[in-house]
C-alpha cells in the first residue's frame, strides 16, 4: 500500500459525515507505518477503544469506514478467527467490528459486521511481522502473494457490503 496523508484518509470515509471524518483520530505515526507490508490501513482510536477505522484501496480510490467494536465477553476465553486474514487469536484478539452502511441505508441505522483482528494488524500477522501466539496461523500451501490477495479480497467484500445501496 502506498503511504497516505491525513487529508487523503479523512477524505476517504464513506459511512460518516464530513464533520465526523474531520474529528476522528487519525494515527500520528503515519510516517513510521510499515506501508510496504500493509494491504490496508487499520487502527483503533486510542481515546475510545470501541472505535476503529479501516482505509483500503478499492482499485479506483481509497475507501475508509468507521467501525464500532462490540463489547468483549470476558467470561469466554476461546480461540477465534479473523474473517479477513484467517489468523486465530485467544481472548479478545478478534472482535466483532460493525460499520454503519453508507448513504441512506446507514442513516436508517443499517450496518454490517465481521469478525476481525481487534488491532486490525491483519497484514502484519500474515507476513509474520506480528505474532498472535502458537497456532495462530495455520499452515497453508498458498504463497505470501496469494495470502495477501485473499486478504485484500476479504476487505474488498466487506467494504462492498458497506457501500452497496
N, C-alpha and C. Protein backbone atom coordinates (compact mmCIF):
# COMPACT_ATOMS: atom_id res chain seq x y z
N UNK A 1 0.85 -1.18 0.00
CA UNK A 1 0.00 0.00 0.00
C UNK A 1 0.90 1.23 0.00
N UNK A 2 0.48 2.23 -0.73
CA UNK A 2 1.28 3.45 -0.74
C UNK A 2 0.95 4.28 0.49
N UNK A 3 1.90 5.06 0.97
CA UNK A 3 1.65 5.91 2.14
C UNK A 3 0.52 6.90 1.87
N UNK A 4 -0.32 7.09 2.89
CA UNK A 4 -1.44 8.02 2.80
C UNK A 4 -1.20 9.22 3.69
N UNK A 5 -1.76 10.33 3.28
CA UNK A 5 -1.69 11.53 4.10
C UNK A 5 -2.95 11.61 4.96
N UNK A 6 -2.90 12.45 5.97
CA UNK A 6 -4.06 12.66 6.82
C UNK A 6 -5.25 13.17 6.00
N UNK A 7 -4.98 14.05 5.08
CA UNK A 7 -6.05 14.60 4.23
C UNK A 7 -6.70 13.50 3.39
N UNK A 8 -5.89 12.63 2.79
CA UNK A 8 -6.43 11.52 1.99
C UNK A 8 -7.27 10.57 2.85
N UNK A 9 -6.79 10.31 4.05
CA UNK A 9 -7.51 9.42 4.95
C UNK A 9 -8.87 10.01 5.29
N UNK A 10 -8.89 11.25 5.71
CA UNK A 10 -10.15 11.90 6.10
C UNK A 10 -11.14 11.98 4.92
N UNK A 11 -10.63 12.21 3.72
CA UNK A 11 -11.49 12.32 2.54
C UNK A 11 -12.05 10.97 2.08
N UNK A 12 -11.48 9.88 2.55
CA UNK A 12 -11.87 8.55 2.06
C UNK A 12 -13.12 7.98 2.74
N UNK A 13 -13.53 8.54 3.86
CA UNK A 13 -14.61 7.92 4.64
C UNK A 13 -15.95 8.03 3.95
N UNK A 14 -16.64 6.89 3.87
CA UNK A 14 -17.91 6.81 3.15
C UNK A 14 -19.12 6.62 4.08
N UNK A 15 -18.88 6.29 5.33
CA UNK A 15 -20.02 6.00 6.22
C UNK A 15 -20.11 6.94 7.41
N UNK A 16 -19.58 8.13 7.24
CA UNK A 16 -19.75 9.16 8.27
C UNK A 16 -19.78 10.52 7.58
N UNK A 17 -20.22 11.51 8.32
CA UNK A 17 -20.31 12.85 7.75
C UNK A 17 -18.91 13.45 7.61
N UNK A 18 -18.81 14.52 6.85
CA UNK A 18 -17.53 15.22 6.71
C UNK A 18 -17.05 15.73 8.07
N UNK A 19 -17.98 16.20 8.89
CA UNK A 19 -17.63 16.67 10.24
C UNK A 19 -17.09 15.55 11.11
N UNK A 20 -17.72 14.38 11.04
CA UNK A 20 -17.22 13.22 11.81
C UNK A 20 -15.84 12.81 11.31
N UNK A 21 -15.67 12.79 9.99
CA UNK A 21 -14.37 12.44 9.42
C UNK A 21 -13.29 13.44 9.84
N UNK A 22 -13.68 14.70 9.95
CA UNK A 22 -12.72 15.74 10.35
C UNK A 22 -12.28 15.57 11.80
N UNK A 23 -13.19 15.05 12.63
CA UNK A 23 -12.90 14.92 14.07
C UNK A 23 -12.29 13.58 14.47
N UNK A 24 -12.33 12.58 13.60
CA UNK A 24 -11.84 11.26 14.02
C UNK A 24 -10.34 11.27 14.24
N UNK A 25 -9.89 10.36 15.08
CA UNK A 25 -8.47 10.30 15.47
C UNK A 25 -7.65 9.55 14.42
N UNK A 26 -6.91 10.29 13.62
CA UNK A 26 -6.01 9.70 12.62
C UNK A 26 -4.69 9.38 13.32
N UNK A 27 -4.07 8.23 13.00
CA UNK A 27 -2.80 7.89 13.65
C UNK A 27 -1.76 8.99 13.47
N UNK A 28 -1.04 9.27 14.53
CA UNK A 28 0.01 10.31 14.48
C UNK A 28 1.32 9.77 13.90
N UNK A 29 1.40 8.45 13.78
CA UNK A 29 2.65 7.84 13.31
C UNK A 29 2.58 7.40 11.85
N UNK A 30 1.88 8.14 11.02
CA UNK A 30 1.73 7.75 9.61
C UNK A 30 3.08 7.58 8.92
N UNK A 31 4.03 8.43 9.22
CA UNK A 31 5.35 8.35 8.57
C UNK A 31 6.09 7.08 8.96
N UNK A 32 5.80 6.52 10.14
CA UNK A 32 6.51 5.33 10.62
C UNK A 32 5.78 4.03 10.30
N UNK A 33 4.62 4.10 9.72
CA UNK A 33 3.86 2.88 9.41
C UNK A 33 4.62 2.04 8.39
N UNK A 34 4.55 0.70 8.49
CA UNK A 34 5.24 -0.17 7.53
C UNK A 34 4.43 -0.31 6.23
N UNK A 35 4.32 0.75 5.47
CA UNK A 35 3.44 0.81 4.32
C UNK A 35 3.66 -0.32 3.32
N UNK A 36 4.91 -0.73 3.12
CA UNK A 36 5.20 -1.80 2.16
C UNK A 36 4.60 -3.13 2.60
N UNK A 37 4.34 -3.29 3.89
CA UNK A 37 3.78 -4.53 4.42
C UNK A 37 2.28 -4.45 4.65
N UNK A 38 1.65 -3.34 4.34
CA UNK A 38 0.22 -3.17 4.60
C UNK A 38 -0.62 -3.40 3.35
N UNK A 39 -1.69 -4.17 3.53
CA UNK A 39 -2.68 -4.36 2.47
C UNK A 39 -3.82 -3.36 2.64
N UNK A 40 -3.98 -2.85 3.85
CA UNK A 40 -4.93 -1.80 4.17
C UNK A 40 -4.45 -1.13 5.45
N UNK A 41 -4.95 0.05 5.71
CA UNK A 41 -4.61 0.77 6.93
C UNK A 41 -5.75 0.60 7.92
N UNK A 42 -5.44 0.09 9.10
CA UNK A 42 -6.45 -0.07 10.13
C UNK A 42 -5.89 0.37 11.47
N UNK A 43 -6.73 1.00 12.30
CA UNK A 43 -6.27 1.43 13.61
C UNK A 43 -7.45 1.60 14.55
N UNK A 44 -7.14 1.55 15.84
CA UNK A 44 -8.12 1.82 16.88
C UNK A 44 -7.93 3.25 17.36
N UNK A 45 -9.02 3.85 17.81
CA UNK A 45 -8.96 5.18 18.40
C UNK A 45 -8.37 5.03 19.79
N UNK A 46 -7.22 5.63 20.08
CA UNK A 46 -6.60 5.46 21.40
C UNK A 46 -7.44 6.02 22.54
N UNK A 47 -8.27 7.00 22.26
CA UNK A 47 -9.10 7.61 23.30
C UNK A 47 -10.43 6.88 23.49
N UNK A 48 -10.80 6.05 22.52
CA UNK A 48 -12.08 5.34 22.59
C UNK A 48 -11.89 3.95 21.98
N UNK A 49 -11.52 2.94 22.78
CA UNK A 49 -11.20 1.62 22.25
C UNK A 49 -12.35 0.92 21.51
N UNK A 50 -13.58 1.41 21.68
CA UNK A 50 -14.68 0.79 20.95
C UNK A 50 -14.76 1.30 19.50
N UNK A 51 -13.96 2.31 19.16
CA UNK A 51 -13.93 2.84 17.80
C UNK A 51 -12.68 2.38 17.07
N UNK A 52 -12.87 2.04 15.80
CA UNK A 52 -11.75 1.64 14.94
C UNK A 52 -12.04 2.16 13.54
N UNK A 53 -10.99 2.16 12.72
CA UNK A 53 -11.12 2.71 11.37
C UNK A 53 -10.32 1.84 10.41
N UNK A 54 -10.81 1.76 9.18
CA UNK A 54 -10.15 0.97 8.15
C UNK A 54 -10.19 1.76 6.85
N UNK A 55 -9.05 1.83 6.17
CA UNK A 55 -8.95 2.51 4.87
C UNK A 55 -8.26 1.55 3.92
N UNK A 56 -8.89 1.32 2.76
CA UNK A 56 -8.32 0.40 1.77
C UNK A 56 -8.51 0.97 0.37
N UNK A 57 -7.69 0.49 -0.53
CA UNK A 57 -7.77 0.88 -1.94
C UNK A 57 -8.74 -0.08 -2.62
N UNK A 58 -9.82 0.44 -3.20
CA UNK A 58 -10.78 -0.44 -3.87
C UNK A 58 -10.50 -0.57 -5.37
N UNK A 59 -9.34 -0.12 -5.80
CA UNK A 59 -8.96 -0.20 -7.21
C UNK A 59 -9.21 1.09 -7.96
N UNK A 60 -10.13 1.92 -7.44
CA UNK A 60 -10.44 3.20 -8.06
C UNK A 60 -10.00 4.34 -7.15
N UNK A 61 -10.31 4.19 -5.86
CA UNK A 61 -10.00 5.23 -4.87
C UNK A 61 -9.83 4.56 -3.51
N UNK A 62 -9.40 5.35 -2.55
CA UNK A 62 -9.32 4.83 -1.18
C UNK A 62 -10.71 4.96 -0.55
N UNK A 63 -11.10 3.91 0.18
CA UNK A 63 -12.39 3.88 0.85
C UNK A 63 -12.13 3.67 2.33
N UNK A 64 -12.65 4.58 3.14
CA UNK A 64 -12.49 4.48 4.58
C UNK A 64 -13.83 4.23 5.24
N UNK A 65 -13.82 3.41 6.30
CA UNK A 65 -15.04 3.16 7.06
C UNK A 65 -14.74 3.28 8.55
N UNK A 66 -15.69 3.88 9.25
CA UNK A 66 -15.63 3.95 10.70
C UNK A 66 -16.28 2.69 11.24
N UNK A 67 -15.65 2.07 12.23
CA UNK A 67 -16.11 0.81 12.79
C UNK A 67 -16.41 0.96 14.27
N UNK A 68 -17.28 0.11 14.77
CA UNK A 68 -17.57 0.03 16.21
C UNK A 68 -17.24 -1.38 16.66
N UNK A 69 -16.54 -1.48 17.77
CA UNK A 69 -16.17 -2.77 18.34
C UNK A 69 -17.23 -3.19 19.35
N UNK A 70 -17.72 -4.42 19.20
CA UNK A 70 -18.67 -4.95 20.18
C UNK A 70 -17.93 -5.16 21.49
N UNK A 71 -18.65 -5.03 22.59
CA UNK A 71 -18.04 -5.22 23.91
C UNK A 71 -17.54 -6.65 24.03
N UNK A 72 -16.30 -6.83 24.50
CA UNK A 72 -15.77 -8.19 24.64
C UNK A 72 -16.51 -8.96 25.73
N UNK A 73 -16.60 -10.26 25.54
CA UNK A 73 -17.24 -11.12 26.51
C UNK A 73 -16.15 -11.71 27.40
N UNK A 74 -15.99 -11.19 28.60
CA UNK A 74 -14.90 -11.59 29.50
C UNK A 74 -15.07 -13.02 30.04
N UNK A 75 -16.27 -13.56 29.95
CA UNK A 75 -16.50 -14.90 30.52
C UNK A 75 -15.93 -16.00 29.65
N UNK A 76 -15.76 -15.75 28.35
CA UNK A 76 -15.30 -16.79 27.45
C UNK A 76 -13.91 -16.47 26.93
N UNK A 77 -12.95 -17.32 27.29
CA UNK A 77 -11.61 -17.18 26.73
C UNK A 77 -11.46 -18.34 25.75
N UNK A 78 -11.67 -18.04 24.49
CA UNK A 78 -11.59 -19.08 23.47
C UNK A 78 -10.84 -18.53 22.27
N UNK A 79 -10.52 -19.42 21.38
CA UNK A 79 -9.82 -19.04 20.16
C UNK A 79 -10.85 -18.64 19.11
N UNK A 80 -10.62 -17.50 18.47
CA UNK A 80 -11.50 -17.01 17.40
C UNK A 80 -10.65 -16.68 16.19
N UNK A 81 -11.26 -16.73 15.01
CA UNK A 81 -10.52 -16.49 13.78
C UNK A 81 -11.02 -15.23 13.09
N UNK A 82 -10.08 -14.43 12.65
CA UNK A 82 -10.37 -13.22 11.87
C UNK A 82 -10.89 -13.63 10.49
N UNK A 83 -11.97 -13.03 10.06
CA UNK A 83 -12.54 -13.35 8.75
C UNK A 83 -11.80 -12.65 7.61
N UNK A 84 -10.89 -11.75 7.94
CA UNK A 84 -10.14 -11.02 6.92
C UNK A 84 -8.84 -11.75 6.57
N UNK A 85 -8.02 -12.06 7.58
CA UNK A 85 -6.71 -12.68 7.32
C UNK A 85 -6.62 -14.14 7.76
N UNK A 86 -7.66 -14.64 8.42
CA UNK A 86 -7.73 -16.02 8.90
C UNK A 86 -6.67 -16.34 9.95
N UNK A 87 -6.32 -15.34 10.75
CA UNK A 87 -5.44 -15.54 11.90
C UNK A 87 -6.31 -15.84 13.11
N UNK A 88 -5.90 -16.83 13.92
CA UNK A 88 -6.64 -17.16 15.14
C UNK A 88 -6.01 -16.44 16.32
N UNK A 89 -6.85 -16.00 17.23
CA UNK A 89 -6.40 -15.33 18.45
C UNK A 89 -7.16 -15.92 19.63
N UNK A 90 -6.56 -15.86 20.79
CA UNK A 90 -7.28 -16.21 22.01
C UNK A 90 -7.72 -14.92 22.68
N UNK A 91 -8.70 -15.05 23.57
CA UNK A 91 -9.17 -13.87 24.30
C UNK A 91 -9.84 -12.86 23.39
N UNK A 92 -9.49 -11.59 23.58
CA UNK A 92 -10.15 -10.53 22.79
C UNK A 92 -9.32 -10.10 21.58
N UNK A 93 -8.53 -10.99 21.02
CA UNK A 93 -7.73 -10.69 19.83
C UNK A 93 -8.54 -10.57 18.56
N UNK A 94 -9.77 -11.12 18.58
CA UNK A 94 -10.71 -10.98 17.46
C UNK A 94 -11.98 -10.37 18.03
N UNK A 95 -12.50 -9.37 17.34
CA UNK A 95 -13.72 -8.69 17.78
C UNK A 95 -14.70 -8.57 16.63
N UNK A 96 -15.97 -8.50 17.00
CA UNK A 96 -16.98 -8.17 16.02
C UNK A 96 -16.91 -6.66 15.79
N UNK A 97 -16.56 -6.27 14.58
CA UNK A 97 -16.48 -4.85 14.21
C UNK A 97 -17.62 -4.57 13.24
N UNK A 98 -18.42 -3.58 13.56
CA UNK A 98 -19.55 -3.24 12.71
C UNK A 98 -19.34 -1.85 12.10
N UNK A 99 -19.85 -1.71 10.89
CA UNK A 99 -19.76 -0.43 10.18
C UNK A 99 -21.16 -0.02 9.75
N UNK A 100 -21.48 1.22 10.02
CA UNK A 100 -22.74 1.77 9.54
C UNK A 100 -22.67 1.77 8.01
N UNK A 101 -23.74 1.36 7.34
CA UNK A 101 -23.75 1.35 5.88
C UNK A 101 -23.67 2.78 5.36
N UNK A 102 -23.14 2.94 4.19
CA UNK A 102 -23.02 4.26 3.56
C UNK A 102 -24.38 4.72 3.05
N UNK A 103 -24.56 6.02 3.00
CA UNK A 103 -25.74 6.61 2.40
C UNK A 103 -27.01 6.46 3.22
N UNK A 104 -28.12 6.37 2.50
CA UNK A 104 -29.44 6.34 3.13
C UNK A 104 -29.61 5.13 4.05
N UNK A 105 -29.06 3.98 3.65
CA UNK A 105 -29.17 2.78 4.49
C UNK A 105 -28.54 3.02 5.86
N UNK A 106 -27.40 3.66 5.89
CA UNK A 106 -26.73 3.95 7.15
C UNK A 106 -27.50 4.95 7.98
N UNK A 107 -28.12 5.92 7.32
CA UNK A 107 -28.93 6.91 8.03
C UNK A 107 -30.15 6.27 8.67
N UNK A 108 -30.59 5.14 8.12
CA UNK A 108 -31.73 4.40 8.67
C UNK A 108 -31.28 3.40 9.74
N UNK A 109 -29.99 3.38 10.05
CA UNK A 109 -29.49 2.52 11.11
C UNK A 109 -28.98 1.16 10.68
N UNK A 110 -28.88 0.91 9.39
CA UNK A 110 -28.40 -0.38 8.91
C UNK A 110 -26.87 -0.45 8.99
N UNK A 111 -26.38 -1.62 9.35
CA UNK A 111 -24.94 -1.81 9.48
C UNK A 111 -24.57 -3.22 9.03
N UNK A 112 -23.28 -3.42 8.82
CA UNK A 112 -22.74 -4.74 8.52
C UNK A 112 -21.57 -4.98 9.46
N UNK A 113 -21.28 -6.24 9.71
CA UNK A 113 -20.21 -6.55 10.64
C UNK A 113 -19.40 -7.74 10.18
N UNK A 114 -18.23 -7.87 10.77
CA UNK A 114 -17.35 -9.00 10.51
C UNK A 114 -16.44 -9.19 11.71
N UNK A 115 -16.02 -10.41 11.93
CA UNK A 115 -15.04 -10.69 12.98
C UNK A 115 -13.66 -10.42 12.39
N UNK A 116 -12.94 -9.48 13.03
CA UNK A 116 -11.62 -9.07 12.54
C UNK A 116 -10.63 -9.03 13.69
N UNK A 117 -9.35 -9.05 13.35
CA UNK A 117 -8.31 -8.83 14.36
C UNK A 117 -8.64 -7.51 15.05
N UNK A 118 -8.69 -7.51 16.36
CA UNK A 118 -9.08 -6.32 17.11
C UNK A 118 -8.17 -5.14 16.79
N UNK A 119 -6.87 -5.42 16.62
CA UNK A 119 -5.93 -4.33 16.34
C UNK A 119 -5.81 -4.00 14.85
N UNK A 120 -6.56 -4.71 14.00
CA UNK A 120 -6.57 -4.50 12.54
C UNK A 120 -5.18 -4.61 11.93
N UNK A 121 -4.32 -5.44 12.51
CA UNK A 121 -2.97 -5.64 12.01
C UNK A 121 -2.87 -6.90 11.15
N UNK A 122 -3.93 -7.21 10.43
CA UNK A 122 -4.00 -8.43 9.62
C UNK A 122 -2.79 -8.60 8.71
N UNK A 123 -2.39 -7.54 8.02
CA UNK A 123 -1.27 -7.61 7.09
C UNK A 123 0.02 -8.03 7.79
N UNK A 124 0.20 -7.56 9.01
CA UNK A 124 1.43 -7.87 9.75
C UNK A 124 1.41 -9.31 10.28
N UNK A 125 0.26 -9.81 10.68
CA UNK A 125 0.15 -11.22 11.09
C UNK A 125 0.43 -12.13 9.90
N UNK A 126 -0.12 -11.77 8.76
CA UNK A 126 0.04 -12.54 7.54
C UNK A 126 1.51 -12.69 7.16
N UNK A 127 2.27 -11.64 7.33
CA UNK A 127 3.67 -11.62 6.92
C UNK A 127 4.63 -12.04 8.04
N UNK A 128 4.09 -12.40 9.20
CA UNK A 128 4.94 -12.82 10.32
C UNK A 128 5.64 -11.66 11.00
N UNK A 129 5.21 -10.42 10.74
CA UNK A 129 5.82 -9.24 11.37
C UNK A 129 5.26 -9.00 12.77
N UNK A 130 4.11 -9.62 13.05
CA UNK A 130 3.48 -9.54 14.36
C UNK A 130 3.03 -10.95 14.72
N UNK A 131 3.21 -11.34 15.97
CA UNK A 131 2.92 -12.71 16.39
C UNK A 131 1.64 -12.74 17.21
N UNK A 132 0.75 -13.65 16.84
CA UNK A 132 -0.50 -13.82 17.58
C UNK A 132 -0.43 -15.04 18.50
N UNK A 133 0.74 -15.64 18.62
CA UNK A 133 0.91 -16.77 19.52
C UNK A 133 0.91 -18.10 18.78
N UNK A 134 1.17 -19.18 19.54
CA UNK A 134 1.24 -20.51 18.92
C UNK A 134 -0.11 -20.91 18.31
N UNK A 135 -0.05 -21.49 17.13
CA UNK A 135 -1.25 -21.97 16.47
C UNK A 135 -2.10 -20.89 15.84
N UNK A 136 -1.60 -19.67 15.80
CA UNK A 136 -2.39 -18.56 15.27
C UNK A 136 -2.53 -18.61 13.76
N UNK A 137 -1.51 -19.06 13.09
CA UNK A 137 -1.54 -19.16 11.63
C UNK A 137 -1.46 -20.62 11.24
N UNK A 138 -2.46 -21.12 10.56
CA UNK A 138 -2.45 -22.48 10.06
C UNK A 138 -1.52 -22.57 8.87
N UNK A 139 -0.88 -23.73 8.72
CA UNK A 139 0.00 -23.90 7.56
C UNK A 139 -0.86 -23.98 6.30
N UNK A 140 -0.53 -23.18 5.33
CA UNK A 140 -1.23 -23.19 4.05
C UNK A 140 -0.22 -23.30 2.93
N UNK A 141 -0.64 -23.86 1.81
CA UNK A 141 0.27 -24.02 0.68
C UNK A 141 0.27 -22.79 -0.22
N UNK A 142 -0.47 -21.75 0.14
CA UNK A 142 -0.50 -20.53 -0.65
C UNK A 142 0.78 -19.73 -0.45
N UNK A 143 1.16 -18.99 -1.47
CA UNK A 143 2.32 -18.10 -1.36
C UNK A 143 1.88 -16.85 -0.58
N UNK A 144 2.85 -16.07 -0.15
CA UNK A 144 2.54 -14.83 0.55
C UNK A 144 1.71 -13.91 -0.33
N UNK A 145 2.02 -13.84 -1.62
CA UNK A 145 1.24 -13.00 -2.54
C UNK A 145 -0.21 -13.47 -2.61
N UNK A 146 -0.42 -14.78 -2.62
CA UNK A 146 -1.78 -15.32 -2.67
C UNK A 146 -2.53 -15.04 -1.36
N UNK A 147 -1.81 -15.15 -0.23
CA UNK A 147 -2.43 -14.84 1.06
C UNK A 147 -2.84 -13.36 1.11
N UNK A 148 -1.95 -12.50 0.62
CA UNK A 148 -2.25 -11.07 0.60
C UNK A 148 -3.43 -10.78 -0.33
N UNK A 149 -3.47 -11.45 -1.49
CA UNK A 149 -4.60 -11.26 -2.41
C UNK A 149 -5.92 -11.68 -1.76
N UNK A 150 -5.89 -12.78 -1.02
CA UNK A 150 -7.11 -13.24 -0.34
C UNK A 150 -7.53 -12.23 0.72
N UNK A 151 -6.57 -11.69 1.46
CA UNK A 151 -6.88 -10.68 2.47
C UNK A 151 -7.49 -9.44 1.84
N UNK A 152 -6.91 -8.97 0.76
CA UNK A 152 -7.44 -7.80 0.04
C UNK A 152 -8.85 -8.10 -0.47
N UNK A 153 -9.07 -9.31 -0.98
CA UNK A 153 -10.41 -9.68 -1.47
C UNK A 153 -11.42 -9.70 -0.33
N UNK A 154 -11.01 -10.18 0.85
CA UNK A 154 -11.91 -10.20 2.01
C UNK A 154 -12.25 -8.78 2.48
N UNK A 155 -11.26 -7.90 2.49
CA UNK A 155 -11.51 -6.50 2.86
C UNK A 155 -12.43 -5.85 1.82
N UNK A 156 -12.17 -6.11 0.55
CA UNK A 156 -12.99 -5.53 -0.53
C UNK A 156 -14.45 -6.00 -0.42
N UNK A 157 -14.64 -7.28 -0.10
CA UNK A 157 -16.00 -7.82 0.05
C UNK A 157 -16.72 -7.14 1.21
N UNK A 158 -16.00 -6.90 2.30
CA UNK A 158 -16.60 -6.20 3.45
C UNK A 158 -16.96 -4.76 3.05
N UNK A 159 -16.03 -4.07 2.41
CA UNK A 159 -16.29 -2.68 2.00
C UNK A 159 -17.45 -2.59 1.01
N UNK A 160 -17.57 -3.59 0.15
CA UNK A 160 -18.68 -3.61 -0.81
C UNK A 160 -20.01 -3.70 -0.07
N UNK A 161 -20.07 -4.48 1.00
CA UNK A 161 -21.31 -4.58 1.79
C UNK A 161 -21.63 -3.25 2.44
N UNK A 162 -20.59 -2.52 2.85
CA UNK A 162 -20.81 -1.22 3.49
C UNK A 162 -21.32 -0.20 2.47
N UNK A 163 -20.78 -0.23 1.27
CA UNK A 163 -21.08 0.81 0.28
C UNK A 163 -22.26 0.49 -0.63
N UNK A 164 -22.72 -0.74 -0.67
CA UNK A 164 -23.87 -1.10 -1.52
C UNK A 164 -25.09 -0.32 -1.06
N UNK A 165 -25.79 0.24 -1.99
CA UNK A 165 -27.02 0.96 -1.61
C UNK A 165 -28.23 0.33 -2.23
